[in-house]
Amino acid sequence: ANTLWVSMNSEPEAGHHFSLPLLHDLRAVGQALQA
């Protein structure tokens, strides 16, 4: 049914949390989806 899977990557040295680069990417994708 036209499903977009958005998978968060975490590099080992960055830890398994919301780094600034990951947050920027998720914001951009989320805002585009809402638009």
All heavy atoms as atom14 arrays in JSON, in Angstrom:
{
  "sequence": "ANTLWVSMNSEPEAGHHFSLPLLHDLRAVGQALQA",
  "atom14_mask": [
    [1, 1, 1, 1, 1, 0, 0, 0, 0, 0, 0, 0, 0, 0],
    [1, 1, 1, 1, 1, 1, 1, 1, 0, 0, 0, 0, 0, 0],
    [1, 1, 1, 1, 1, 1, 1, 0, 0, 0, 0, 0, 0, 0],
    [1, 1, 1, 1, 1, 1, 1, 1, 0, 0, 0, 0, 0, 0],
    [1, 1, 1, 1, 1, 1, 1, 1, 1, 1, 1, 1, 1, 1],
    [1, 1, 1, 1, 1, 1, 1, 0, 0, 0, 0, 0, 0, 0],
    [1, 1, 1, 1, 1, 1, 0, 0, 0, 0, 0, 0, 0, 0],
    [1, 1, 1, 1, 1, 1, 1, 1, 0, 0, 0, 0, 0, 0],
    [1, 1, 1, 1, 1, 1, 1, 1, 0, 0, 0, 0, 0, 0],
    [1, 1, 1, 1, 1, 1, 0, 0, 0, 0, 0, 0, 0, 0],
    [1, 1, 1, 1, 1, 1, 1, 1, 1, 0, 0, 0, 0, 0],
    [1, 1, 1, 1, 1, 1, 1, 0, 0, 0, 0, 0, 0, 0],
    [1, 1, 1, 1, 1, 1, 1, 1, 1, 0, 0, 0, 0, 0],
    [1, 1, 1, 1, 1, 0, 0, 0, 0, 0, 0, 0, 0, 0],
    [1, 1, 1, 1, 0, 0, 0, 0, 0, 0, 0, 0, 0, 0],
    [1, 1, 1, 1, 1, 1, 1, 1, 1, 1, 0, 0, 0, 0],
    [1, 1, 1, 1, 1, 1, 1, 1, 1, 1, 0, 0, 0, 0],
    [1, 1, 1, 1, 1, 1, 1, 1, 1, 1, 1, 0, 0, 0],
    [1, 1, 1, 1, 1, 1, 0, 0, 0, 0, 0, 0, 0, 0],
    [1, 1, 1, 1, 1, 1, 1, 1, 0, 0, 0, 0, 0, 0],
    [1, 1, 1, 1, 1, 1, 1, 0, 0, 0, 0, 0, 0, 0],
    [1, 1, 1, 1, 1, 1, 1, 1, 0, 0, 0, 0, 0, 0],
    [1, 1, 1, 1, 1, 1, 1, 1, 0, 0, 0, 0, 0, 0],
    [1, 1, 1, 1, 1, 1, 1, 1, 1, 1, 0, 0, 0, 0],
    [1, 1, 1, 1, 1, 1, 1, 1, 0, 0, 0, 0, 0, 0],
    [1, 1, 1, 1, 1, 1, 1, 1, 0, 0, 0, 0, 0, 0],
    [1, 1, 1, 1, 1, 1, 1, 1, 1, 1, 1, 0, 0, 0],
    [1, 1, 1, 1, 1, 0, 0, 0, 0, 0, 0, 0, 0, 0],
    [1, 1, 1, 1, 1, 1, 1, 0, 0, 0, 0, 0, 0, 0],
    [1, 1, 1, 1, 0, 0, 0, 0, 0, 0, 0, 0, 0, 0],
    [1, 1, 1, 1, 1, 1, 1, 1, 1, 0, 0, 0, 0, 0],
    [1, 1, 1, 1, 1, 0, 0, 0, 0, 0, 0, 0, 0, 0],
    [1, 1, 1, 1, 1, 1, 1, 1, 0, 0, 0, 0, 0, 0],
    [1, 1, 1, 1, 1, 1, 1, 1, 1, 0, 0, 0, 0, 0],
    [1, 1, 1, 1, 1, 0, 0, 0, 0, 0, 0, 0, 0, 0]
  ],
  "atom14_positions": [
    [[0.81, -1.23, 0.0], [0.0, 0.0, 0.0], [0.83, 1.27, 0.0], [0.48, 2.25, 0.63], [-0.96, -0.01, 1.19], [0.0, 0.0, 0.0], [0.0, 0.0, 0.0], [0.0, 0.0, 0.0], [0.0, 0.0, 0.0], [0.0, 0.0, 0.0], [0.0, 0.0, 0.0], [0.0, 0.0, 0.0], [0.0, 0.0, 0.0], [0.0, 0.0, 0.0]],
    [[1.96, 1.26, -0.7], [2.84, 2.43, -0.78], [3.35, 2.84, 0.61], [3.01, 3.9, 1.14], [2.15, 3.61, -1.46], [2.07, 3.44, -2.96], [2.27, 2.34, -3.47], [1.78, 4.51, -3.67], [0.0, 0.0, 0.0], [0.0, 0.0, 0.0], [0.0, 0.0, 0.0], [0.0, 0.0, 0.0], [0.0, 0.0, 0.0], [0.0, 0.0, 0.0]],
    [[4.16, 1.96, 1.18], [4.7, 2.16, 2.52], [6.16, 2.59, 2.44], [6.97, 1.93, 1.78], [4.59, 0.87, 3.35], [3.2, 0.54, 3.5], [5.21, 1.06, 4.73], [0.0, 0.0, 0.0], [0.0, 0.0, 0.0], [0.0, 0.0, 0.0], [0.0, 0.0, 0.0], [0.0, 0.0, 0.0], [0.0, 0.0, 0.0], [0.0, 0.0, 0.0]],
    [[6.49, 3.66, 3.13], [7.86, 4.12, 3.25], [8.42, 3.67, 4.59], [7.89, 4.02, 5.64], [7.93, 5.65, 3.15], [9.33, 6.25, 3.29], [10.2, 5.88, 2.09], [9.26, 7.76, 3.45], [0.0, 0.0, 0.0], [0.0, 0.0, 0.0], [0.0, 0.0, 0.0], [0.0, 0.0, 0.0], [0.0, 0.0, 0.0], [0.0, 0.0, 0.0]],
    [[9.48, 2.88, 4.55], [10.16, 2.41, 5.76], [11.35, 3.34, 6.01], [12.22, 3.46, 5.14], [10.63, 0.98, 5.6], [9.52, 0.0, 5.36], [8.85, -0.2, 4.19], [8.93, -0.89, 6.3], [7.88, -1.17, 4.34], [7.91, -1.61, 5.63], [9.18, -1.16, 7.65], [7.14, -2.58, 6.26], [8.41, -2.14, 8.28], [7.41, -2.83, 7.6]],
    [[11.38, 3.98, 7.16], [12.44, 4.92, 7.53], [13.22, 4.3, 8.68], [12.74, 4.21, 9.81], [11.87, 6.28, 7.94], [12.99, 7.25, 8.3], [11.0, 6.86, 6.82], [0.0, 0.0, 0.0], [0.0, 0.0, 0.0], [0.0, 0.0, 0.0], [0.0, 0.0, 0.0], [0.0, 0.0, 0.0], [0.0, 0.0, 0.0], [0.0, 0.0, 0.0]],
    [[14.43, 3.84, 8.39], [15.23, 3.11, 9.37], [16.35, 4.0, 9.89], [17.18, 4.5, 9.12], [15.81, 1.85, 8.71], [16.61, 1.13, 9.62], [0.0, 0.0, 0.0], [0.0, 0.0, 0.0], [0.0, 0.0, 0.0], [0.0, 0.0, 0.0], [0.0, 0.0, 0.0], [0.0, 0.0, 0.0], [0.0, 0.0, 0.0], [0.0, 0.0, 0.0]],
    [[16.38, 4.18, 11.21], [17.41, 5.0, 11.85], [18.71, 4.21, 11.94], [18.74, 3.11, 12.5], [16.97, 5.43, 13.24], [15.73, 6.29, 13.27], [15.27, 6.78, 14.95], [14.62, 5.21, 15.6], [0.0, 0.0, 0.0], [0.0, 0.0, 0.0], [0.0, 0.0, 0.0], [0.0, 0.0, 0.0], [0.0, 0.0, 0.0], [0.0, 0.0, 0.0]],
    [[19.78, 4.78, 11.41], [21.1, 4.18, 11.54], [21.81, 4.76, 12.75], [21.65, 5.93, 13.08], [21.95, 4.47, 10.3], [21.45, 3.7, 9.09], [21.01, 2.57, 9.2], [21.5, 4.34, 7.93], [0.0, 0.0, 0.0], [0.0, 0.0, 0.0], [0.0, 0.0, 0.0], [0.0, 0.0, 0.0], [0.0, 0.0, 0.0], [0.0, 0.0, 0.0]],
    [[22.61, 3.94, 13.42], [23.43, 4.45, 14.53], [24.81, 3.84, 14.38], [24.98, 2.63, 14.43], [22.83, 4.08, 15.89], [22.71, 2.69, 16.03], [0.0, 0.0, 0.0], [0.0, 0.0, 0.0], [0.0, 0.0, 0.0], [0.0, 0.0, 0.0], [0.0, 0.0, 0.0], [0.0, 0.0, 0.0], [0.0, 0.0, 0.0], [0.0, 0.0, 0.0]],
    [[25.8, 4.7, 14.19], [27.17, 4.22, 14.11], [27.66, 3.88, 15.51], [27.33, 4.56, 16.47], [28.05, 5.31, 13.48], [27.61, 5.69, 12.07], [28.39, 6.86, 11.53], [29.3, 7.33, 12.24], [28.1, 7.29, 10.41], [0.0, 0.0, 0.0], [0.0, 0.0, 0.0], [0.0, 0.0, 0.0], [0.0, 0.0, 0.0], [0.0, 0.0, 0.0]],
    [[28.47, 2.81, 15.66], [28.89, 2.38, 16.99], [29.5, 3.49, 17.84], [29.21, 3.6, 19.03], [29.92, 1.27, 16.69], [29.52, 0.75, 15.35], [28.98, 1.93, 14.6], [0.0, 0.0, 0.0], [0.0, 0.0, 0.0], [0.0, 0.0, 0.0], [0.0, 0.0, 0.0], [0.0, 0.0, 0.0], [0.0, 0.0, 0.0], [0.0, 0.0, 0.0]],
    [[30.33, 4.34, 17.21], [30.96, 5.39, 18.0], [29.99, 6.49, 18.38], [30.26, 7.3, 19.27], [32.14, 5.98, 17.23], [31.79, 6.68, 15.92], [31.72, 5.72, 14.74], [31.67, 4.5, 14.98], [31.72, 6.2, 13.6], [0.0, 0.0, 0.0], [0.0, 0.0, 0.0], [0.0, 0.0, 0.0], [0.0, 0.0, 0.0], [0.0, 0.0, 0.0]],
    [[28.84, 6.57, 17.7], [27.86, 7.61, 18.0], [26.85, 7.19, 19.05], [26.13, 8.01, 19.59], [27.13, 8.02, 16.72], [0.0, 0.0, 0.0], [0.0, 0.0, 0.0], [0.0, 0.0, 0.0], [0.0, 0.0, 0.0], [0.0, 0.0, 0.0], [0.0, 0.0, 0.0], [0.0, 0.0, 0.0], [0.0, 0.0, 0.0], [0.0, 0.0, 0.0]],
    [[26.79, 5.92, 19.35], [25.83, 5.44, 20.34], [24.45, 5.24, 19.74], [24.19, 5.56, 18.59], [0.0, 0.0, 0.0], [0.0, 0.0, 0.0], [0.0, 0.0, 0.0], [0.0, 0.0, 0.0], [0.0, 0.0, 0.0], [0.0, 0.0, 0.0], [0.0, 0.0, 0.0], [0.0, 0.0, 0.0], [0.0, 0.0, 0.0], [0.0, 0.0, 0.0]],
    [[23.56, 4.7, 20.55], [22.21, 4.35, 20.09], [21.22, 5.39, 20.59], [20.28, 5.08, 21.33], [21.84, 2.95, 20.58], [22.85, 1.91, 20.23], [23.07, 1.48, 18.94], [23.74, 1.23, 21.01], [24.02, 0.57, 18.93], [24.45, 0.41, 20.17], [0.0, 0.0, 0.0], [0.0, 0.0, 0.0], [0.0, 0.0, 0.0], [0.0, 0.0, 0.0]],
    [[21.43, 6.63, 20.21], [20.57, 7.71, 20.69], [20.4, 8.73, 19.56], [20.88, 8.53, 18.45], [21.2, 8.38, 21.92], [22.55, 8.93, 21.65], [23.71, 8.21, 21.83], [22.95, 10.14, 21.16], [24.75, 8.95, 21.48], [24.31, 10.12, 21.06], [0.0, 0.0, 0.0], [0.0, 0.0, 0.0], [0.0, 0.0, 0.0], [0.0, 0.0, 0.0]],
    [[19.71, 9.82, 19.87], [19.43, 10.84, 18.87], [20.59, 11.82, 18.78], [20.62, 12.84, 19.47], [18.13, 11.56, 19.18], [16.9, 10.73, 18.96], [15.98, 10.55, 19.97], [16.67, 10.11, 17.73], [14.83, 9.79, 19.76], [15.54, 9.35, 17.52], [14.63, 9.19, 18.53], [0.0, 0.0, 0.0], [0.0, 0.0, 0.0], [0.0, 0.0, 0.0]],
    [[21.53, 11.53, 17.9], [22.6, 12.47, 17.61], [22.04, 13.64, 16.82], [20.96, 13.54, 16.21], [23.71, 11.8, 16.82], [23.24, 11.43, 15.53], [0.0, 0.0, 0.0], [0.0, 0.0, 0.0], [0.0, 0.0, 0.0], [0.0, 0.0, 0.0], [0.0, 0.0, 0.0], [0.0, 0.0, 0.0], [0.0, 0.0, 0.0], [0.0, 0.0, 0.0]],
    [[22.76, 14.75, 16.79], [22.29, 15.9, 16.01], [22.11, 15.57, 14.53], [21.08, 15.93, 13.94], [23.26, 17.07, 16.19], [23.12, 17.86, 17.49], [24.28, 18.84, 17.65], [21.78, 18.6, 17.54], [0.0, 0.0, 0.0], [0.0, 0.0, 0.0], [0.0, 0.0, 0.0], [0.0, 0.0, 0.0], [0.0, 0.0, 0.0], [0.0, 0.0, 0.0]],
    [[23.06, 14.87, 13.88], [22.83, 14.54, 12.46], [21.6, 13.68, 12.23], [20.86, 13.89, 11.26], [24.12, 13.8, 12.07], [25.15, 14.3, 13.02], [24.43, 14.49, 14.31], [0.0, 0.0, 0.0], [0.0, 0.0, 0.0], [0.0, 0.0, 0.0], [0.0, 0.0, 0.0], [0.0, 0.0, 0.0], [0.0, 0.0, 0.0], [0.0, 0.0, 0.0]],
    [[21.35, 12.7, 13.12], [20.17, 11.86, 12.96], [18.9, 12.69, 13.13], [17.94, 12.55, 12.38], [20.2, 10.73, 13.99], [18.96, 9.83, 14.05], [18.68, 9.19, 12.7], [19.12, 8.77, 15.13], [0.0, 0.0, 0.0], [0.0, 0.0, 0.0], [0.0, 0.0, 0.0], [0.0, 0.0, 0.0], [0.0, 0.0, 0.0], [0.0, 0.0, 0.0]],
    [[18.89, 13.59, 14.13], [17.71, 14.43, 14.34], [17.43, 15.31, 13.13], [16.27, 15.47, 12.72], [17.9, 15.3, 15.58], [17.77, 14.59, 16.93], [18.21, 15.53, 18.06], [16.34, 14.12, 17.17], [0.0, 0.0, 0.0], [0.0, 0.0, 0.0], [0.0, 0.0, 0.0], [0.0, 0.0, 0.0], [0.0, 0.0, 0.0], [0.0, 0.0, 0.0]],
    [[18.46, 15.88, 12.54], [18.26, 16.72, 11.36], [17.66, 15.92, 10.22], [16.75, 16.4, 9.51], [19.59, 17.35, 10.93], [19.98, 18.55, 11.75], [19.32, 19.74, 11.7], [20.98, 18.72, 12.66], [19.88, 20.62, 12.52], [20.89, 20.01, 13.12], [0.0, 0.0, 0.0], [0.0, 0.0, 0.0], [0.0, 0.0, 0.0], [0.0, 0.0, 0.0]],
    [[18.14, 14.68, 10.04], [17.59, 13.85, 8.97], [16.14, 13.47, 9.24], [15.29, 13.53, 8.34], [18.44, 12.59, 8.81], [19.75, 12.85, 8.08], [19.97, 14.0, 7.66], [20.55, 11.9, 7.95], [0.0, 0.0, 0.0], [0.0, 0.0, 0.0], [0.0, 0.0, 0.0], [0.0, 0.0, 0.0], [0.0, 0.0, 0.0], [0.0, 0.0, 0.0]],
    [[15.84, 13.09, 10.49], [14.46, 12.71, 10.81], [13.51, 13.89, 10.68], [12.37, 13.73, 10.23], [14.4, 12.15, 12.23], [15.02, 10.77, 12.44], [15.06, 10.42, 13.92], [14.26, 9.7, 11.65], [0.0, 0.0, 0.0], [0.0, 0.0, 0.0], [0.0, 0.0, 0.0], [0.0, 0.0, 0.0], [0.0, 0.0, 0.0], [0.0, 0.0, 0.0]],
    [[13.97, 15.08, 11.07], [13.12, 16.26, 10.91], [12.81, 16.52, 9.44], [11.67, 16.77, 9.05], [13.77, 17.49, 11.53], [12.93, 18.76, 11.38], [13.62, 19.97, 11.96], [14.88, 20.28, 11.31], [15.64, 21.33, 11.62], [15.27, 22.16, 12.58], [16.78, 21.54, 10.99], [0.0, 0.0, 0.0], [0.0, 0.0, 0.0], [0.0, 0.0, 0.0]],
    [[13.85, 16.46, 8.61], [13.65, 16.73, 7.18], [12.68, 15.73, 6.56], [11.78, 16.1, 5.79], [14.99, 16.7, 6.46], [0.0, 0.0, 0.0], [0.0, 0.0, 0.0], [0.0, 0.0, 0.0], [0.0, 0.0, 0.0], [0.0, 0.0, 0.0], [0.0, 0.0, 0.0], [0.0, 0.0, 0.0], [0.0, 0.0, 0.0], [0.0, 0.0, 0.0]],
    [[12.86, 14.45, 6.89], [11.97, 13.42, 6.34], [10.55, 13.6, 6.86], [9.58, 13.55, 6.09], [12.5, 12.02, 6.68], [11.51, 10.95, 6.22], [13.85, 11.79, 6.03], [0.0, 0.0, 0.0], [0.0, 0.0, 0.0], [0.0, 0.0, 0.0], [0.0, 0.0, 0.0], [0.0, 0.0, 0.0], [0.0, 0.0, 0.0], [0.0, 0.0, 0.0]],
    [[10.41, 13.84, 8.17], [9.07, 14.02, 8.75], [8.35, 15.22, 8.17], [7.16, 15.15, 7.86], [0.0, 0.0, 0.0], [0.0, 0.0, 0.0], [0.0, 0.0, 0.0], [0.0, 0.0, 0.0], [0.0, 0.0, 0.0], [0.0, 0.0, 0.0], [0.0, 0.0, 0.0], [0.0, 0.0, 0.0], [0.0, 0.0, 0.0], [0.0, 0.0, 0.0]],
    [[9.06, 16.32, 8.01], [8.43, 17.51, 7.45], [8.03, 17.29, 6.0], [6.98, 17.76, 5.56], [9.37, 18.7, 7.59], [9.52, 19.17, 9.03], [10.54, 20.28, 9.19], [11.36, 20.53, 8.31], [10.49, 20.97, 10.32], [0.0, 0.0, 0.0], [0.0, 0.0, 0.0], [0.0, 0.0, 0.0], [0.0, 0.0, 0.0], [0.0, 0.0, 0.0]],
    [[8.85, 16.57, 5.25], [8.5, 16.28, 3.86], [7.28, 15.37, 3.78], [6.4, 15.56, 2.93], [9.68, 15.65, 3.14], [0.0, 0.0, 0.0], [0.0, 0.0, 0.0], [0.0, 0.0, 0.0], [0.0, 0.0, 0.0], [0.0, 0.0, 0.0], [0.0, 0.0, 0.0], [0.0, 0.0, 0.0], [0.0, 0.0, 0.0], [0.0, 0.0, 0.0]],
    [[7.2, 14.41, 4.66], [6.04, 13.53, 4.68], [4.77, 14.31, 4.99], [3.73, 14.09, 4.38], [6.24, 12.41, 5.71], [7.22, 11.31, 5.33], [7.56, 10.46, 6.54], [6.64, 10.45, 4.22], [0.0, 0.0, 0.0], [0.0, 0.0, 0.0], [0.0, 0.0, 0.0], [0.0, 0.0, 0.0], [0.0, 0.0, 0.0], [0.0, 0.0, 0.0]],
    [[4.85, 15.22, 5.93], [3.67, 16.0, 6.28], [3.24, 16.9, 5.13], [2.07, 17.23, 4.98], [3.93, 16.83, 7.54], [4.07, 16.0, 8.8], [2.81, 15.22, 9.14], [1.72, 15.52, 8.65], [2.94, 14.2, 9.96], [0.0, 0.0, 0.0], [0.0, 0.0, 0.0], [0.0, 0.0, 0.0], [0.0, 0.0, 0.0], [0.0, 0.0, 0.0]],
    [[4.22, 17.3, 4.3], [3.9, 18.17, 3.17], [3.38, 17.38, 1.97], [3.01, 17.95, 0.96], [5.15, 18.96, 2.76], [0.0, 0.0, 0.0], [0.0, 0.0, 0.0], [0.0, 0.0, 0.0], [0.0, 0.0, 0.0], [0.0, 0.0, 0.0], [0.0, 0.0, 0.0], [0.0, 0.0, 0.0], [0.0, 0.0, 0.0], [0.0, 0.0, 0.0]]
  ]
}
